[in-house]
Amino acid sequence: MFMVLRAASRGAVSPTELSTHPSATTRTSTRLVRSGTTADARRLTVSLTDEGRRIVGHIARRIRPELQHRFDAIGLDRVTELLDTLHAFLRGGVPDSSEQ
């Protein structure tokens, strides 16, 4: 759920923009509909309240130093390789035009 909140902290987003895994997005949307947030998950957009933005900022500030420590420990080359791999994974293994 934090990743949904983090994405929404950058502005209102639709369910398809929240996840590369549709069933995860559907489950989250369904929970929001059941909570009374909206009547139709297909028309759902997610945005944060001021309190939601505060909570996301608090969590991000707590996570960031640990992530930085881990990235520093493995080094820039390996972090770059990790990010390249994750981008390829999110594209479904389809090479980026700059990689061809």
PDB file of N, CA and C in Angstrom:
ATOM      1  N   MET A   1       0.816  -1.185   0.000  1.00  0.00           N
ATOM      2  CA  MET A   1       0.000   0.000   0.000  1.00  0.00           C
ATOM      3  C   MET A   1       0.867   1.259   0.000  1.00  0.00           C
ATOM      4  N   PHE A   2       2.060   1.202   0.627  1.00  0.00           N
ATOM      5  CA  PHE A   2       2.917   2.388   0.646  1.00  0.00           C
ATOM      6  C   PHE A   2       3.277   2.830  -0.763  1.00  0.00           C
ATOM      7  N   MET A   3       3.522   1.889  -1.671  1.00  0.00           N
ATOM      8  CA  MET A   3       3.896   2.263  -3.034  1.00  0.00           C
ATOM      9  C   MET A   3       2.749   2.990  -3.730  1.00  0.00           C
ATOM     10  N   VAL A   4       1.511   2.609  -3.437  1.00  0.00           N
ATOM     11  CA  VAL A   4       0.354   3.314  -3.992  1.00  0.00           C
ATOM     12  C   VAL A   4       0.330   4.735  -3.448  1.00  0.00           C
ATOM     13  N   LEU A   5       0.527   4.867  -2.144  1.00  0.00           N
ATOM     14  CA  LEU A   5       0.539   6.199  -1.542  1.00  0.00           C
ATOM     15  C   LEU A   5       1.676   7.039  -2.101  1.00  0.00           C
ATOM     16  N   ARG A   6       2.849   6.423  -2.273  1.00  0.00           N
ATOM     17  CA  ARG A   6       4.008   7.152  -2.793  1.00  0.00           C
ATOM     18  C   ARG A   6       3.727   7.656  -4.213  1.00  0.00           C
ATOM     19  N   ALA A   7       3.127   6.791  -5.050  1.00  0.00           N
ATOM     20  CA  ALA A   7       2.791   7.208  -6.418  1.00  0.00           C
ATOM     21  C   ALA A   7       1.779   8.347  -6.391  1.00  0.00           C
ATOM     22  N   ALA A   8       0.792   8.235  -5.515  1.00  0.00           N
ATOM     23  CA  ALA A   8      -0.236   9.270  -5.428  1.00  0.00           C
ATOM     24  C   ALA A   8       0.316  10.577  -4.867  1.00  0.00           C
ATOM     25  N   SER A   9       1.404  10.499  -4.126  1.00  0.00           N
ATOM     26  CA  SER A   9       1.977  11.724  -3.563  1.00  0.00           C
ATOM     27  C   SER A   9       2.540  12.627  -4.653  1.00  0.00           C
ATOM     28  N   ARG A  10       2.733  12.076  -5.842  1.00  0.00           N
ATOM     29  CA  ARG A  10       3.248  12.858  -6.969  1.00  0.00           C
ATOM     30  C   ARG A  10       2.118  13.459  -7.794  1.00  0.00           C
ATOM     31  N   GLY A  11       0.868  13.182  -7.407  1.00  0.00           N
ATOM     32  CA  GLY A  11      -0.295  13.698  -8.112  1.00  0.00           C
ATOM     33  C   GLY A  11      -1.326  12.603  -8.294  1.00  0.00           C
ATOM     34  N   ALA A  12      -2.549  12.983  -8.647  1.00  0.00           N
ATOM     35  CA  ALA A  12      -3.613  12.002  -8.836  1.00  0.00           C
ATOM     36  C   ALA A  12      -3.247  11.038  -9.957  1.00  0.00           C
ATOM     37  N   VAL A  13      -3.457   9.760  -9.693  1.00  0.00           N
ATOM     38  CA  VAL A  13      -3.123   8.731 -10.672  1.00  0.00           C
ATOM     39  C   VAL A  13      -4.292   7.765 -10.816  1.00  0.00           C
ATOM     40  N   SER A  14      -4.363   7.132 -11.976  1.00  0.00           N
ATOM     41  CA  SER A  14      -5.390   6.123 -12.215  1.00  0.00           C
ATOM     42  C   SER A  14      -4.836   4.760 -11.806  1.00  0.00           C
ATOM     43  N   PRO A  15      -5.700   3.761 -11.627  1.00  0.00           N
ATOM     44  CA  PRO A  15      -5.220   2.434 -11.254  1.00  0.00           C
ATOM     45  C   PRO A  15      -4.187   1.852 -12.221  1.00  0.00           C
ATOM     46  N   THR A  16      -4.336   2.102 -13.505  1.00  0.00           N
ATOM     47  CA  THR A  16      -3.376   1.537 -14.453  1.00  0.00           C
ATOM     48  C   THR A  16      -1.993   2.158 -14.310  1.00  0.00           C
ATOM     49  N   GLU A  17      -1.917   3.364 -13.759  1.00  0.00           N
ATOM     50  CA  GLU A  17      -0.633   4.017 -13.555  1.00  0.00           C
ATOM     51  C   GLU A  17       0.040   3.576 -12.254  1.00  0.00           C
ATOM     52  N   LEU A  18      -0.680   2.868 -11.410  1.00  0.00           N
ATOM     53  CA  LEU A  18      -0.156   2.498 -10.101  1.00  0.00           C
ATOM     54  C   LEU A  18       0.694   1.238 -10.099  1.00  0.00           C
ATOM     55  N   SER A  19       0.488   0.362 -11.041  1.00  0.00           N
ATOM     56  CA  SER A  19       1.156  -0.917 -10.941  1.00  0.00           C
ATOM     57  C   SER A  19       1.370  -1.526 -12.306  1.00  0.00           C
ATOM     58  N   THR A  20       2.442  -2.302 -12.408  1.00  0.00           N
ATOM     59  CA  THR A  20       2.646  -3.080 -13.623  1.00  0.00           C
ATOM     60  C   THR A  20       1.994  -4.447 -13.473  1.00  0.00           C
ATOM     61  N   HIS A  21       1.400  -4.720 -12.312  1.00  0.00           N
ATOM     62  CA  HIS A  21       0.724  -5.987 -12.065  1.00  0.00           C
ATOM     63  C   HIS A  21      -0.764  -5.705 -11.839  1.00  0.00           C
ATOM     64  N   PRO A  22      -1.582  -5.915 -12.885  1.00  0.00           N
ATOM     65  CA  PRO A  22      -2.994  -5.516 -12.820  1.00  0.00           C
ATOM     66  C   PRO A  22      -3.764  -6.100 -11.636  1.00  0.00           C
ATOM     67  N   SER A  23      -3.488  -7.344 -11.238  1.00  0.00           N
ATOM     68  CA  SER A  23      -4.264  -7.918 -10.142  1.00  0.00           C
ATOM     69  C   SER A  23      -3.982  -7.194  -8.828  1.00  0.00           C
ATOM     70  N   ALA A  24      -2.747  -6.723  -8.639  1.00  0.00           N
ATOM     71  CA  ALA A  24      -2.428  -5.962  -7.425  1.00  0.00           C
ATOM     72  C   ALA A  24      -3.187  -4.648  -7.422  1.00  0.00           C
ATOM     73  N   THR A  25      -3.252  -4.000  -8.566  1.00  0.00           N
ATOM     74  CA  THR A  25      -3.988  -2.744  -8.671  1.00  0.00           C
ATOM     75  C   THR A  25      -5.469  -2.988  -8.440  1.00  0.00           C
ATOM     76  N   THR A  26      -6.005  -4.067  -9.007  1.00  0.00           N
ATOM     77  CA  THR A  26      -7.418  -4.385  -8.843  1.00  0.00           C
ATOM     78  C   THR A  26      -7.751  -4.629  -7.382  1.00  0.00           C
ATOM     79  N   ARG A  27      -6.902  -5.379  -6.675  1.00  0.00           N
ATOM     80  CA  ARG A  27      -7.154  -5.631  -5.252  1.00  0.00           C
ATOM     81  C   ARG A  27      -7.164  -4.327  -4.461  1.00  0.00           C
ATOM     82  N   THR A  28      -6.201  -3.464  -4.715  1.00  0.00           N
ATOM     83  CA  THR A  28      -6.141  -2.185  -4.006  1.00  0.00           C
ATOM     84  C   THR A  28      -7.348  -1.336  -4.345  1.00  0.00           C
ATOM     85  N   SER A  29      -7.720  -1.261  -5.619  1.00  0.00           N
ATOM     86  CA  SER A  29      -8.887  -0.479  -6.036  1.00  0.00           C
ATOM     87  C   SER A  29     -10.148  -1.014  -5.387  1.00  0.00           C
ATOM     88  N   THR A  30     -10.288  -2.329  -5.336  1.00  0.00           N
ATOM     89  CA  THR A  30     -11.467  -2.949  -4.732  1.00  0.00           C
ATOM     90  C   THR A  30     -11.570  -2.603  -3.257  1.00  0.00           C
ATOM     91  N   ARG A  31     -10.438  -2.610  -2.562  1.00  0.00           N
ATOM     92  CA  ARG A  31     -10.451  -2.229  -1.144  1.00  0.00           C
ATOM     93  C   ARG A  31     -10.889  -0.775  -0.982  1.00  0.00           C
ATOM     94  N   LEU A  32     -10.427   0.104  -1.857  1.00  0.00           N
ATOM     95  CA  LEU A  32     -10.821   1.505  -1.780  1.00  0.00           C
ATOM     96  C   LEU A  32     -12.311   1.675  -2.059  1.00  0.00           C
ATOM     97  N   VAL A  33     -12.832   0.926  -3.023  1.00  0.00           N
ATOM     98  CA  VAL A  33     -14.267   1.002  -3.336  1.00  0.00           C
ATOM     99  C   VAL A  33     -15.073   0.509  -2.142  1.00  0.00           C
ATOM    100  N   ARG A  34     -14.640  -0.616  -1.540  1.00  0.00           N
ATOM    101  CA  ARG A  34     -15.358  -1.145  -0.374  1.00  0.00           C
ATOM    102  C   ARG A  34     -15.338  -0.179   0.796  1.00  0.00           C
ATOM    103  N   SER A  35     -14.282   0.615   0.903  1.00  0.00           N
ATOM    104  CA  SER A  35     -14.192   1.570   2.012  1.00  0.00           C
ATOM    105  C   SER A  35     -15.067   2.793   1.773  1.00  0.00           C
ATOM    106  N   GLY A  36     -15.721   2.852   0.613  1.00  0.00           N
ATOM    107  CA  GLY A  36     -16.612   3.960   0.324  1.00  0.00           C
ATOM    108  C   GLY A  36     -15.956   5.114  -0.398  1.00  0.00           C
ATOM    109  N   THR A  37     -14.731   4.923  -0.829  1.00  0.00           N
ATOM    110  CA  THR A  37     -14.003   5.996  -1.501  1.00  0.00           C
ATOM    111  C   THR A  37     -14.622   6.341  -2.844  1.00  0.00           C
ATOM    112  N   THR A  38     -15.097   5.344  -3.568  1.00  0.00           N
ATOM    113  CA  THR A  38     -15.708   5.567  -4.871  1.00  0.00           C
ATOM    114  C   THR A  38     -16.670   4.414  -5.154  1.00  0.00           C
ATOM    115  N   ALA A  39     -17.579   4.611  -6.089  1.00  0.00           N
ATOM    116  CA  ALA A  39     -18.551   3.575  -6.420  1.00  0.00           C
ATOM    117  C   ALA A  39     -18.085   2.705  -7.578  1.00  0.00           C
ATOM    118  N   ASP A  40     -17.084   3.115  -8.312  1.00  0.00           N
ATOM    119  CA  ASP A  40     -16.682   2.401  -9.516  1.00  0.00           C
ATOM    120  C   ASP A  40     -15.156   2.395  -9.627  1.00  0.00           C
ATOM    121  N   ALA A  41     -14.553   1.231  -9.441  1.00  0.00           N
ATOM    122  CA  ALA A  41     -13.088   1.120  -9.465  1.00  0.00           C
ATOM    123  C   ALA A  41     -12.503   1.503 -10.822  1.00  0.00           C
ATOM    124  N   ARG A  42     -13.286   1.374 -11.908  1.00  0.00           N
ATOM    125  CA  ARG A  42     -12.768   1.723 -13.232  1.00  0.00           C
ATOM    126  C   ARG A  42     -12.587   3.226 -13.396  1.00  0.00           C
ATOM    127  N   ARG A  43     -13.282   4.006 -12.604  1.00  0.00           N
ATOM    128  CA  ARG A  43     -13.204   5.464 -12.690  1.00  0.00           C
ATOM    129  C   ARG A  43     -12.415   6.076 -11.530  1.00  0.00           C
ATOM    130  N   LEU A  44     -11.766   5.240 -10.804  1.00  0.00           N
ATOM    131  CA  LEU A  44     -11.026   5.652  -9.623  1.00  0.00           C
ATOM    132  C   LEU A  44      -9.758   6.421  -9.975  1.00  0.00           C
ATOM    133  N   THR A  45      -9.534   7.518  -9.310  1.00  0.00           N
ATOM    134  CA  THR A  45      -8.223   8.170  -9.305  1.00  0.00           C
ATOM    135  C   THR A  45      -7.828   8.298  -7.846  1.00  0.00           C
ATOM    136  N   VAL A  46      -6.557   8.165  -7.601  1.00  0.00           N
ATOM    137  CA  VAL A  46      -6.055   8.191  -6.239  1.00  0.00           C
ATOM    138  C   VAL A  46      -5.236   9.450  -6.044  1.00  0.00           C
ATOM    139  N   SER A  47      -5.543  10.179  -4.997  1.00  0.00           N
ATOM    140  CA  SER A  47      -4.737  11.333  -4.597  1.00  0.00           C
ATOM    141  C   SER A  47      -4.727  11.357  -3.079  1.00  0.00           C
ATOM    142  N   LEU A  48      -3.770  12.074  -2.524  1.00  0.00           N
ATOM    143  CA  LEU A  48      -3.603  12.064  -1.082  1.00  0.00           C
ATOM    144  C   LEU A  48      -4.208  13.287  -0.418  1.00  0.00           C
ATOM    145  N   THR A  49      -4.658  13.078   0.801  1.00  0.00           N
ATOM    146  CA  THR A  49      -5.051  14.187   1.658  1.00  0.00           C
ATOM    147  C   THR A  49      -3.767  14.802   2.221  1.00  0.00           C
ATOM    148  N   ASP A  50      -3.897  15.915   2.899  1.00  0.00           N
ATOM    149  CA  ASP A  50      -2.730  16.515   3.553  1.00  0.00           C
ATOM    150  C   ASP A  50      -2.108  15.528   4.542  1.00  0.00           C
ATOM    151  N   GLU A  51      -2.954  14.828   5.283  1.00  0.00           N
ATOM    152  CA  GLU A  51      -2.453  13.827   6.241  1.00  0.00           C
ATOM    153  C   GLU A  51      -1.727  12.696   5.509  1.00  0.00           C
ATOM    154  N   GLY A  52      -2.262  12.266   4.373  1.00  0.00           N
ATOM    155  CA  GLY A  52      -1.597  11.225   3.585  1.00  0.00           C
ATOM    156  C   GLY A  52      -0.232  11.672   3.106  1.00  0.00           C
ATOM    157  N   ARG A  53      -0.130  12.910   2.634  1.00  0.00           N
ATOM    158  CA  ARG A  53       1.167  13.445   2.203  1.00  0.00           C
ATOM    159  C   ARG A  53       2.153  13.509   3.360  1.00  0.00           C
ATOM    160  N   ARG A  54       1.656  13.871   4.540  1.00  0.00           N
ATOM    161  CA  ARG A  54       2.512  13.919   5.720  1.00  0.00           C
ATOM    162  C   ARG A  54       3.048  12.530   6.065  1.00  0.00           C
ATOM    163  N   ILE A  55       2.166  11.540   6.024  1.00  0.00           N
ATOM    164  CA  ILE A  55       2.569  10.174   6.352  1.00  0.00           C
ATOM    165  C   ILE A  55       3.575   9.646   5.336  1.00  0.00           C
ATOM    166  N   VAL A  56       3.319   9.856   4.043  1.00  0.00           N
ATOM    167  CA  VAL A  56       4.245   9.401   3.005  1.00  0.00           C
ATOM    168  C   VAL A  56       5.608  10.061   3.187  1.00  0.00           C
ATOM    169  N   GLY A  57       5.616  11.356   3.473  1.00  0.00           N
ATOM    170  CA  GLY A  57       6.884  12.045   3.697  1.00  0.00           C
ATOM    171  C   GLY A  57       7.632  11.482   4.882  1.00  0.00           C
ATOM    172  N   HIS A  58       6.915  11.192   5.951  1.00  0.00           N
ATOM    173  CA  HIS A  58       7.529  10.622   7.150  1.00  0.00           C
ATOM    174  C   HIS A  58       8.147   9.258   6.852  1.00  0.00           C
ATOM    175  N   ILE A  59       7.403   8.400   6.183  1.00  0.00           N
ATOM    176  CA  ILE A  59       7.913   7.059   5.855  1.00  0.00           C
ATOM    177  C   ILE A  59       9.112   7.170   4.920  1.00  0.00           C
ATOM    178  N   ALA A  60       9.014   8.018   3.913  1.00  0.00           N
ATOM    179  CA  ALA A  60      10.114   8.176   2.953  1.00  0.00           C
ATOM    180  C   ALA A  60      11.381   8.666   3.651  1.00  0.00           C
ATOM    181  N   ARG A  61      11.230   9.608   4.581  1.00  0.00           N
ATOM    182  CA  ARG A  61      12.407  10.114   5.313  1.00  0.00           C
ATOM    183  C   ARG A  61      13.052   9.020   6.159  1.00  0.00           C
ATOM    184  N   ARG A  62      12.258   8.088   6.638  1.00  0.00           N
ATOM    185  CA  ARG A  62      12.809   6.989   7.445  1.00  0.00           C
ATOM    186  C   ARG A  62      13.466   5.923   6.564  1.00  0.00           C
ATOM    187  N   ILE A  63      12.918   5.705   5.382  1.00  0.00           N
ATOM    188  CA  ILE A  63      13.441   4.667   4.479  1.00  0.00           C
ATOM    189  C   ILE A  63      14.696   5.138   3.748  1.00  0.00           C
ATOM    190  N   ARG A  64      14.725   6.395   3.320  1.00  0.00           N
ATOM    191  CA  ARG A  64      15.796   6.915   2.466  1.00  0.00           C
ATOM    192  C   ARG A  64      17.207   6.677   3.007  1.00  0.00           C
ATOM    193  N   PRO A  65      17.499   6.952   4.295  1.00  0.00           N
ATOM    194  CA  PRO A  65      18.875   6.724   4.774  1.00  0.00           C
ATOM    195  C   PRO A  65      19.307   5.259   4.693  1.00  0.00           C
ATOM    196  N   GLU A  66      18.401   4.357   4.964  1.00  0.00           N
ATOM    197  CA  GLU A  66      18.744   2.929   4.883  1.00  0.00           C
ATOM    198  C   GLU A  66      19.009   2.523   3.440  1.00  0.00           C
ATOM    199  N   LEU A  67      18.172   2.987   2.525  1.00  0.00           N
ATOM    200  CA  LEU A  67      18.409   2.689   1.111  1.00  0.00           C
ATOM    201  C   LEU A  67      19.744   3.262   0.647  1.00  0.00           C
ATOM    202  N   GLN A  68      20.040   4.496   1.044  1.00  0.00           N
ATOM    203  CA  GLN A  68      21.304   5.116   0.658  1.00  0.00           C
ATOM    204  C   GLN A  68      22.479   4.311   1.197  1.00  0.00           C
ATOM    205  N   HIS A  69      22.375   3.866   2.433  1.00  0.00           N
ATOM    206  CA  HIS A  69      23.433   3.049   3.039  1.00  0.00           C
ATOM    207  C   HIS A  69      23.651   1.762   2.229  1.00  0.00           C
ATOM    208  N   ARG A  70      22.562   1.129   1.850  1.00  0.00           N
ATOM    209  CA  ARG A  70      22.668  -0.120   1.064  1.00  0.00           C
ATOM    210  C   ARG A  70      23.251   0.148  -0.322  1.00  0.00           C
ATOM    211  N   PHE A  71      22.814   1.223  -0.972  1.00  0.00           N
ATOM    212  CA  PHE A  71      23.368   1.562  -2.285  1.00  0.00           C
ATOM    213  C   PHE A  71      24.847   1.888  -2.191  1.00  0.00           C
ATOM    214  N   ASP A  72      25.240   2.635  -1.165  1.00  0.00           N
ATOM    215  CA  ASP A  72      26.654   2.959  -0.969  1.00  0.00           C
ATOM    216  C   ASP A  72      27.484   1.690  -0.775  1.00  0.00           C
ATOM    217  N   ALA A  73      26.913   0.726  -0.065  1.00  0.00           N
ATOM    218  CA  ALA A  73      27.635  -0.512   0.228  1.00  0.00           C
ATOM    219  C   ALA A  73      27.902  -1.347  -1.020  1.00  0.00           C
ATOM    220  N   ILE A  74      26.986  -1.315  -1.993  1.00  0.00           N
ATOM    221  CA  ILE A  74      27.203  -2.147  -3.185  1.00  0.00           C
ATOM    222  C   ILE A  74      27.898  -1.392  -4.312  1.00  0.00           C
ATOM    223  N   GLY A  75      27.951  -0.081  -4.235  1.00  0.00           N
ATOM    224  CA  GLY A  75      28.697   0.693  -5.229  1.00  0.00           C
ATOM    225  C   GLY A  75      27.854   1.147  -6.408  1.00  0.00           C
ATOM    226  N   LEU A  76      28.301   2.246  -7.012  1.00  0.00           N
ATOM    227  CA  LEU A  76      27.571   2.885  -8.103  1.00  0.00           C
ATOM    228  C   LEU A  76      27.370   1.970  -9.312  1.00  0.00           C
ATOM    229  N   ASP A  77      28.394   1.222  -9.706  1.00  0.00           N
ATOM    230  CA  ASP A  77      28.261   0.355 -10.885  1.00  0.00           C
ATOM    231  C   ASP A  77      27.171  -0.690 -10.684  1.00  0.00           C
ATOM    232  N   ARG A  78      27.130  -1.299  -9.503  1.00  0.00           N
ATOM    233  CA  ARG A  78      26.116  -2.327  -9.248  1.00  0.00           C
ATOM    234  C   ARG A  78      24.728  -1.708  -9.101  1.00  0.00           C
ATOM    235  N   VAL A  79      24.641  -0.513  -8.530  1.00  0.00           N
ATOM    236  CA  VAL A  79      23.346   0.171  -8.429  1.00  0.00           C
ATOM    237  C   VAL A  79      22.831   0.491  -9.827  1.00  0.00           C
ATOM    238  N   THR A  80      23.706   0.976 -10.692  1.00  0.00           N
ATOM    239  CA  THR A  80      23.321   1.279 -12.072  1.00  0.00           C
ATOM    240  C   THR A  80      22.834   0.016 -12.779  1.00  0.00           C
ATOM    241  N   GLU A  81      23.554  -1.079 -12.589  1.00  0.00           N
ATOM    242  CA  GLU A  81      23.149  -2.364 -13.192  1.00  0.00           C
ATOM    243  C   GLU A  81      21.789  -2.798 -12.646  1.00  0.00           C
ATOM    244  N   LEU A  82      21.585  -2.643 -11.350  1.00  0.00           N
ATOM    245  CA  LEU A  82      20.303  -2.993 -10.737  1.00  0.00           C
ATOM    246  C   LEU A  82      19.170  -2.172 -11.337  1.00  0.00           C
ATOM    247  N   LEU A  83      19.363  -0.866 -11.453  1.00  0.00           N
ATOM    248  CA  LEU A  83      18.323  -0.005 -12.020  1.00  0.00           C
ATOM    249  C   LEU A  83      18.043  -0.340 -13.477  1.00  0.00           C
ATOM    250  N   ASP A  84      19.079  -0.612 -14.244  1.00  0.00           N
ATOM    251  CA  ASP A  84      18.882  -1.016 -15.644  1.00  0.00           C
ATOM    252  C   ASP A  84      18.068  -2.304 -15.714  1.00  0.00           C
ATOM    253  N   THR A  85      18.378  -3.246 -14.838  1.00  0.00           N
ATOM    254  CA  THR A  85      17.659  -4.519 -14.807  1.00  0.00           C
ATOM    255  C   THR A  85      16.201  -4.307 -14.419  1.00  0.00           C
ATOM    256  N   LEU A  86      15.961  -3.481 -13.414  1.00  0.00           N
ATOM    257  CA  LEU A  86      14.580  -3.210 -12.993  1.00  0.00           C
ATOM    258  C   LEU A  86      13.791  -2.515 -14.098  1.00  0.00           C
ATOM    259  N   HIS A  87      14.409  -1.561 -14.797  1.00  0.00           N
ATOM    260  CA  HIS A  87      13.718  -0.899 -15.911  1.00  0.00           C
ATOM    261  C   HIS A  87      13.365  -1.914 -16.996  1.00  0.00           C
ATOM    262  N   ALA A  88      14.285  -2.816 -17.319  1.00  0.00           N
ATOM    263  CA  ALA A  88      13.999  -3.851 -18.323  1.00  0.00           C
ATOM    264  C   ALA A  88      12.865  -4.755 -17.844  1.00  0.00           C
ATOM    265  N   PHE A  89      12.871  -5.112 -16.568  1.00  0.00           N
ATOM    266  CA  PHE A  89      11.832  -5.958 -16.001  1.00  0.00           C
ATOM    267  C   PHE A  89      10.469  -5.276 -16.103  1.00  0.00           C
ATOM    268  N   LEU A  90      10.416  -3.997 -15.763  1.00  0.00           N
ATOM    269  CA  LEU A  90       9.152  -3.274 -15.808  1.00  0.00           C
ATOM    270  C   LEU A  90       8.632  -3.087 -17.222  1.00  0.00           C
ATOM    271  N   ARG A  91       9.535  -3.072 -18.203  1.00  0.00           N
ATOM    272  CA  ARG A  91       9.127  -2.994 -19.610  1.00  0.00           C
ATOM    273  C   ARG A  91       8.755  -4.364 -20.140  1.00  0.00           C
ATOM    274  N   GLY A  92       8.813  -5.381 -19.317  1.00  0.00           N
ATOM    275  CA  GLY A  92       8.478  -6.724 -19.748  1.00  0.00           C
ATOM    276  C   GLY A  92       9.598  -7.396 -20.513  1.00  0.00           C
ATOM    277  N   GLY A  93      10.830  -6.962 -20.241  1.00  0.00           N
ATOM    278  CA  GLY A  93      11.980  -7.567 -20.901  1.00  0.00           C
ATOM    279  C   GLY A  93      12.223  -7.024 -22.293  1.00  0.00           C
ATOM    280  N   VAL A  94      11.433  -6.039 -22.709  1.00  0.00           N
ATOM    281  CA  VAL A  94      11.594  -5.443 -24.025  1.00  0.00           C
ATOM    282  C   VAL A  94      12.718  -4.438 -23.953  1.00  0.00           C
ATOM    283  N   PRO A  95      13.752  -4.575 -24.795  1.00  0.00           N
ATOM    284  CA  PRO A  95      14.895  -3.636 -24.741  1.00  0.00           C
ATOM    285  C   PRO A  95      14.480  -2.202 -25.019  1.00  0.00           C
ATOM    286  N   ASP A  96      15.070  -1.289 -24.305  1.00  0.00           N
ATOM    287  CA  ASP A  96      14.900   0.138 -24.538  1.00  0.00           C
ATOM    288  C   ASP A  96      15.576   0.453 -25.864  1.00  0.00           C
ATOM    289  N   SER A  97      15.073   1.414 -26.616  1.00  0.00           N
ATOM    290  CA  SER A  97      15.671   1.744 -27.918  1.00  0.00           C
ATOM    291  C   SER A  97      17.123   2.165 -27.761  1.00  0.00           C
ATOM    292  N   SER A  98      17.513   2.722 -26.604  1.00  0.00           N
ATOM    293  CA  SER A  98      18.900   3.126 -26.396  1.00  0.00           C
ATOM    294  C   SER A  98      19.804   1.931 -26.129  1.00  0.00           C
ATOM    295  N   GLU A  99      19.225   0.759 -25.857  1.00  0.00           N
ATOM    296  CA  GLU A  99      20.026  -0.430 -25.568  1.00  0.00           C
ATOM    297  C   GLU A  99      20.303  -1.249 -26.827  1.00  0.00           C
ATOM    298  N   GLN A 100      19.671  -0.905 -27.943  1.00  0.00           N
ATOM    299  CA  GLN A 100      19.809  -1.733 -29.146  1.00  0.00           C
ATOM    300  C   GLN A 100      21.025  -1.342 -29.946  1.00  0.00           C
TER     301      GLN A 100
END
